[in-house]
Amino acid sequence: MLRRKGAYSRFKGFLESGDMLKSWYRFENDREQQALRSWCEENQIPLSDQLQQKRSPLLTTDKKDESRDQA
């Protein structure tokens, strides 16, 4: 889907034009958290209490949004 050079930046531009960029980052972050939690569970790696919360401070969308918005 995003194989060509510049495809992700065009995708981001499309999302920005529809005010959907923050929603995309939340979706992306949620899926990433699910994948990491599943991987940890499959590999019998316990998570700390802080990481077991749905929106842990270590995995927040806000920091990710800010760093990507500045790029």
C-alpha atoms as a PDB file:
ATOM      1  CA  MET A   1       0.000   0.000   0.000  1.00  0.00           C
ATOM      2  CA  LEU A   2       2.663   2.549   0.994  1.00  0.00           C
ATOM      3  CA  ARG A   3       5.566   1.206  -1.056  1.00  0.00           C
ATOM      4  CA  ARG A   4       6.499   4.169  -3.215  1.00  0.00           C
ATOM      5  CA  LYS A   5       8.739   6.958  -1.995  1.00  0.00           C
ATOM      6  CA  GLY A   6       6.681   9.734  -0.404  1.00  0.00           C
ATOM      7  CA  ALA A   7       3.549   7.604  -0.102  1.00  0.00           C
ATOM      8  CA  TYR A   8       3.326   7.954   3.683  1.00  0.00           C
ATOM      9  CA  SER A   9       3.712  11.740   3.547  1.00  0.00           C
ATOM     10  CA  ARG A  10       0.958  11.918   0.902  1.00  0.00           C
ATOM     11  CA  PHE A  11      -1.207   9.707   3.121  1.00  0.00           C
ATOM     12  CA  LYS A  12      -0.542  12.048   6.061  1.00  0.00           C
ATOM     13  CA  GLY A  13      -1.462  15.014   3.869  1.00  0.00           C
ATOM     14  CA  PHE A  14      -4.716  13.323   2.927  1.00  0.00           C
ATOM     15  CA  LEU A  15      -5.501  12.695   6.606  1.00  0.00           C
ATOM     16  CA  GLU A  16      -4.626  16.288   7.549  1.00  0.00           C
ATOM     17  CA  SER A  17      -6.931  17.650   4.849  1.00  0.00           C
ATOM     18  CA  GLY A  18      -9.827  15.801   6.460  1.00  0.00           C
ATOM     19  CA  ASP A  19      -8.822  16.550  10.084  1.00  0.00           C
ATOM     20  CA  MET A  20      -8.229  12.830  10.634  1.00  0.00           C
ATOM     21  CA  LEU A  21      -4.504  12.808  11.464  1.00  0.00           C
ATOM     22  CA  LYS A  22      -4.858  12.635  15.255  1.00  0.00           C
ATOM     23  CA  SER A  23      -7.435   9.859  14.890  1.00  0.00           C
ATOM     24  CA  TRP A  24      -5.005   7.976  12.663  1.00  0.00           C
ATOM     25  CA  TYR A  25      -2.217   8.294  15.254  1.00  0.00           C
ATOM     26  CA  ARG A  26      -4.570   7.033  17.984  1.00  0.00           C
ATOM     27  CA  PHE A  27      -5.595   4.074  15.798  1.00  0.00           C
ATOM     28  CA  GLU A  28      -1.975   3.322  14.898  1.00  0.00           C
ATOM     29  CA  ASN A  29      -0.880   3.543  18.540  1.00  0.00           C
ATOM     30  CA  ASP A  30      -3.744   1.310  19.738  1.00  0.00           C
ATOM     31  CA  ARG A  31      -2.871  -1.378  17.174  1.00  0.00           C
ATOM     32  CA  GLU A  32       0.804  -1.146  18.082  1.00  0.00           C
ATOM     33  CA  GLN A  33      -0.037  -1.594  21.772  1.00  0.00           C
ATOM     34  CA  GLN A  34      -2.217  -4.623  20.980  1.00  0.00           C
ATOM     35  CA  ALA A  35       0.567  -6.215  18.928  1.00  0.00           C
ATOM     36  CA  LEU A  36       3.173  -5.583  21.642  1.00  0.00           C
ATOM     37  CA  ARG A  37       0.903  -6.942  24.376  1.00  0.00           C
ATOM     38  CA  SER A  38       0.134 -10.057  22.321  1.00  0.00           C
ATOM     39  CA  TRP A  39       3.810 -10.591  21.599  1.00  0.00           C
ATOM     40  CA  CYS A  40       4.670 -10.252  25.299  1.00  0.00           C
ATOM     41  CA  GLU A  41       1.916 -12.685  26.240  1.00  0.00           C
ATOM     42  CA  GLU A  42       3.006 -15.227  23.597  1.00  0.00           C
ATOM     43  CA  ASN A  43       6.600 -14.975  24.823  1.00  0.00           C
ATOM     44  CA  GLN A  44       5.589 -15.097  28.503  1.00  0.00           C
ATOM     45  CA  ILE A  45       6.960 -11.643  29.241  1.00  0.00           C
ATOM     46  CA  PRO A  46       5.098 -10.025  32.137  1.00  0.00           C
ATOM     47  CA  LEU A  47       4.075  -6.384  31.842  1.00  0.00           C
ATOM     48  CA  SER A  48       4.442  -3.943  34.705  1.00  0.00           C
ATOM     49  CA  ASP A  49       1.274  -2.571  36.327  1.00  0.00           C
ATOM     50  CA  GLN A  50       1.862   0.745  34.576  1.00  0.00           C
ATOM     51  CA  LEU A  51       1.983  -0.916  31.149  1.00  0.00           C
ATOM     52  CA  GLN A  52      -1.123  -2.970  31.817  1.00  0.00           C
ATOM     53  CA  GLN A  53      -3.263   0.179  31.852  1.00  0.00           C
ATOM     54  CA  LYS A  54      -5.060   0.797  28.555  1.00  0.00           C
ATOM     55  CA  ARG A  55      -3.372   4.136  27.886  1.00  0.00           C
ATOM     56  CA  SER A  56      -0.116   3.901  29.730  1.00  0.00           C
ATOM     57  CA  PRO A  57       2.018   7.060  30.085  1.00  0.00           C
ATOM     58  CA  LEU A  58       4.819   5.182  28.350  1.00  0.00           C
ATOM     59  CA  LEU A  59       2.665   4.501  25.301  1.00  0.00           C
ATOM     60  CA  THR A  60       0.623   7.673  24.940  1.00  0.00           C
ATOM     61  CA  THR A  61      -0.524   9.096  21.653  1.00  0.00           C
ATOM     62  CA  ASP A  62       0.262  12.699  22.620  1.00  0.00           C
ATOM     63  CA  LYS A  63       4.046  12.356  22.486  1.00  0.00           C
ATOM     64  CA  LYS A  64       3.830  10.442  19.223  1.00  0.00           C
ATOM     65  CA  ASP A  65       1.485  13.064  17.748  1.00  0.00           C
ATOM     66  CA  GLU A  66       3.768  15.935  18.726  1.00  0.00           C
ATOM     67  CA  SER A  67       6.893  14.352  17.296  1.00  0.00           C
ATOM     68  CA  ARG A  68       5.153  13.464  14.025  1.00  0.00           C
ATOM     69  CA  ASP A  69       3.407  16.823  13.729  1.00  0.00           C
ATOM     70  CA  GLN A  70       6.778  18.562  13.899  1.00  0.00           C
ATOM     71  CA  ALA A  71       8.249  16.406  11.110  1.00  0.00           C
END
